[in-house]
Amino acid sequence: MSNATIDANKALVLAHYDAVTNRHDPEAIRAQLAPDFFDHAAGKRLSAEDVIAHSAAMHETFADLSAVAECLVAERDIVAGRFVWRGRHRSPWRGIQPTGRHVEFPRHDVLADSGRQDFRALGRDRFCRPGAAAQGLIVSYTFVS
């Protein structure tokens, strides 16, 4: 796999985080997500509208929400990253009442070709179909704490 393809895969991951987490950009989310997008955390396919609703809910819950890639590594068809999310907790989240405090939580993602069944079984990664970066599509994702 060429360095250009690896760089394109990394750029796609960063663009997705930017659209969903940093900017809440519905048009970019619609452009990035493939019709067969599958969220492994939810255990089901999600439409772009579902992801947009999730992004909106996260932005409502956490003021000034952002995610920064502290480390991003790519090899062949796999991209792995450590992201730190930050925001101010202003509405209930997973049963936790709002604190008004600034929060920070790390997340780790591994993204791979959708044909890599060994990773799919773990349910701890994102899967991009072959050539997805060239098409500008994210096929699925989940967050791992």
Protein backbone atom coordinates (compact mmCIF):
# COMPACT_ATOMS: atom_id res chain seq x y z
CA MET A 1 0.00 0.00 0.00
CA SER A 2 1.39 3.38 -0.92
CA ASN A 3 2.19 6.18 1.51
CA ALA A 4 -0.41 8.29 -0.30
CA THR A 5 -3.13 5.74 0.51
CA ILE A 6 -2.01 5.48 4.13
CA ASP A 7 -2.02 9.29 4.39
CA ALA A 8 -5.50 9.38 2.80
CA ASN A 9 -6.77 6.86 5.37
CA LYS A 10 -5.41 8.99 8.22
CA ALA A 11 -6.87 12.15 6.70
CA LEU A 12 -10.29 10.48 6.46
CA VAL A 13 -10.21 9.56 10.14
CA LEU A 14 -9.23 13.10 11.14
CA ALA A 15 -11.90 14.62 8.88
CA HIS A 16 -14.54 12.36 10.44
CA TYR A 17 -13.58 13.37 13.97
CA ASP A 18 -13.61 16.98 12.89
CA ALA A 19 -17.10 16.70 11.34
CA VAL A 20 -18.72 14.69 14.14
CA THR A 21 -16.95 15.93 17.24
CA ASN A 22 -15.21 19.23 16.66
CA ARG A 23 -17.65 21.04 14.38
CA HIS A 24 -20.91 19.04 14.29
CA ASP A 25 -21.07 19.42 10.50
CA PRO A 26 -24.12 17.50 9.21
CA GLU A 27 -23.23 17.99 5.54
CA ALA A 28 -19.71 16.62 6.03
CA ILE A 29 -21.11 13.67 8.02
CA ARG A 30 -23.57 12.89 5.21
CA ALA A 31 -20.72 13.04 2.68
CA GLN A 32 -18.43 10.78 4.75
CA LEU A 33 -20.76 7.95 5.73
CA ALA A 34 -21.43 5.01 3.46
CA PRO A 35 -25.03 3.75 3.20
CA ASP A 36 -24.02 0.50 4.96
CA PHE A 37 -22.38 2.29 7.94
CA PHE A 38 -22.32 0.00 11.00
CA ASP A 39 -21.70 1.24 14.54
CA HIS A 40 -20.17 -1.59 16.57
CA ALA A 41 -20.87 0.11 19.89
CA ALA A 42 -24.58 0.34 19.05
CA GLY A 43 -24.50 -3.08 17.41
CA LYS A 44 -26.46 -1.89 14.37
CA ARG A 45 -26.38 0.04 11.15
CA LEU A 46 -26.81 3.78 11.54
CA SER A 47 -27.88 6.26 8.92
CA ALA A 48 -26.09 9.56 8.50
CA GLU A 49 -29.10 11.14 10.23
CA ASP A 50 -28.60 8.83 13.24
CA VAL A 51 -24.93 9.88 13.48
CA ILE A 52 -25.89 13.54 13.11
CA ALA A 53 -28.40 13.13 15.96
CA HIS A 54 -25.71 11.47 18.10
CA SER A 55 -23.29 14.30 17.34
CA ALA A 56 -25.92 16.90 18.22
CA ALA A 57 -26.66 15.11 21.51
CA MET A 58 -22.96 15.01 22.41
CA HIS A 59 -22.63 18.73 21.64
CA GLU A 60 -25.70 19.44 23.79
CA THR A 61 -24.24 17.40 26.65
CA PHE A 62 -20.71 18.79 26.41
CA ALA A 63 -20.20 22.49 25.68
CA ASP A 64 -17.16 23.30 23.54
CA LEU A 65 -16.79 19.62 22.63
CA SER A 66 -13.58 18.72 20.85
CA ALA A 67 -11.45 15.68 20.12
CA VAL A 68 -7.73 15.87 19.49
CA ALA A 69 -5.67 13.06 17.97
CA GLU A 70 -2.72 12.62 20.30
CA CYS A 71 -1.38 9.72 18.30
CA LEU A 72 -2.35 8.37 14.89
CA VAL A 73 -0.58 5.36 13.38
CA ALA A 74 -1.31 3.70 10.04
CA GLU A 75 -0.03 0.53 8.43
CA ARG A 76 -1.50 -1.10 5.31
CA ASP A 77 -5.30 -0.93 5.72
CA ILE A 78 -5.30 -0.18 9.46
CA VAL A 79 -5.38 3.17 11.24
CA ALA A 80 -5.12 3.33 15.03
CA GLY A 81 -5.48 6.44 17.11
CA ARG A 82 -5.65 7.81 20.61
CA PHE A 83 -8.03 10.72 20.84
CA VAL A 84 -8.71 12.94 23.84
CA TRP A 85 -12.20 14.41 24.03
CA ARG A 86 -12.77 17.59 26.02
CA GLY A 87 -15.82 19.65 26.93
CA ARG A 88 -17.87 21.11 29.77
CA HIS A 89 -20.50 18.71 31.16
CA ARG A 90 -23.77 20.65 30.96
CA SER A 91 -26.54 18.05 30.68
CA PRO A 92 -27.12 14.42 31.79
CA TRP A 93 -24.89 11.79 30.20
CA ARG A 94 -25.21 8.05 30.75
CA GLY A 95 -27.04 8.61 34.01
CA ILE A 96 -24.57 11.19 35.32
CA GLN A 97 -26.11 14.52 36.20
CA PRO A 98 -24.39 17.62 34.79
CA THR A 99 -21.49 18.91 36.82
CA GLY A 100 -20.68 22.09 34.91
CA ARG A 101 -17.04 21.02 35.10
CA HIS A 102 -14.63 20.59 32.23
CA VAL A 103 -14.07 16.93 31.45
CA GLU A 104 -11.49 15.04 29.47
CA PHE A 105 -11.68 11.43 28.39
CA PRO A 106 -9.39 9.40 26.16
CA ARG A 107 -10.74 7.15 23.44
CA HIS A 108 -8.90 4.62 21.31
CA ASP A 109 -9.99 3.54 17.85
CA VAL A 110 -8.64 1.01 15.42
CA LEU A 111 -9.92 1.30 11.87
CA ALA A 112 -9.51 -1.48 9.37
CA ASP A 113 -10.72 -2.90 6.09
CA SER A 114 -14.22 -4.39 6.45
CA GLY A 115 -12.92 -7.82 5.40
CA ARG A 116 -10.77 -8.20 8.52
CA GLN A 117 -13.01 -10.51 10.54
CA ASP A 118 -10.41 -10.89 13.30
CA PHE A 119 -10.96 -7.27 14.36
CA ARG A 120 -14.72 -7.33 13.81
CA ALA A 121 -15.09 -10.04 16.45
CA LEU A 122 -13.58 -7.75 19.08
CA GLY A 123 -16.15 -5.03 18.43
CA ARG A 124 -13.46 -2.50 19.29
CA ASP A 125 -12.65 -0.94 16.01
CA ARG A 126 -13.84 0.99 13.05
CA PHE A 127 -14.05 -0.71 9.72
CA CYS A 128 -13.52 1.03 6.42
CA ARG A 129 -14.29 -0.86 3.25
CA PRO A 130 -11.43 -1.30 0.76
CA GLY A 131 -10.85 1.98 -1.03
CA ALA A 132 -13.16 3.85 1.34
CA ALA A 133 -10.67 6.67 1.81
CA ALA A 134 -10.48 7.16 -1.94
CA GLN A 135 -14.28 7.39 -1.97
CA GLY A 136 -14.32 9.65 1.10
CA LEU A 137 -16.51 7.22 3.04
CA ILE A 138 -16.46 5.89 6.59
CA VAL A 139 -18.24 2.54 6.78
CA SER A 140 -18.45 2.01 10.54
CA TYR A 141 -17.09 2.97 13.91
CA THR A 142 -17.20 2.41 17.63
CA PHE A 143 -15.46 4.06 20.53
CA VAL A 144 -13.31 2.14 22.95
CA SER A 145 -12.55 3.54 26.38
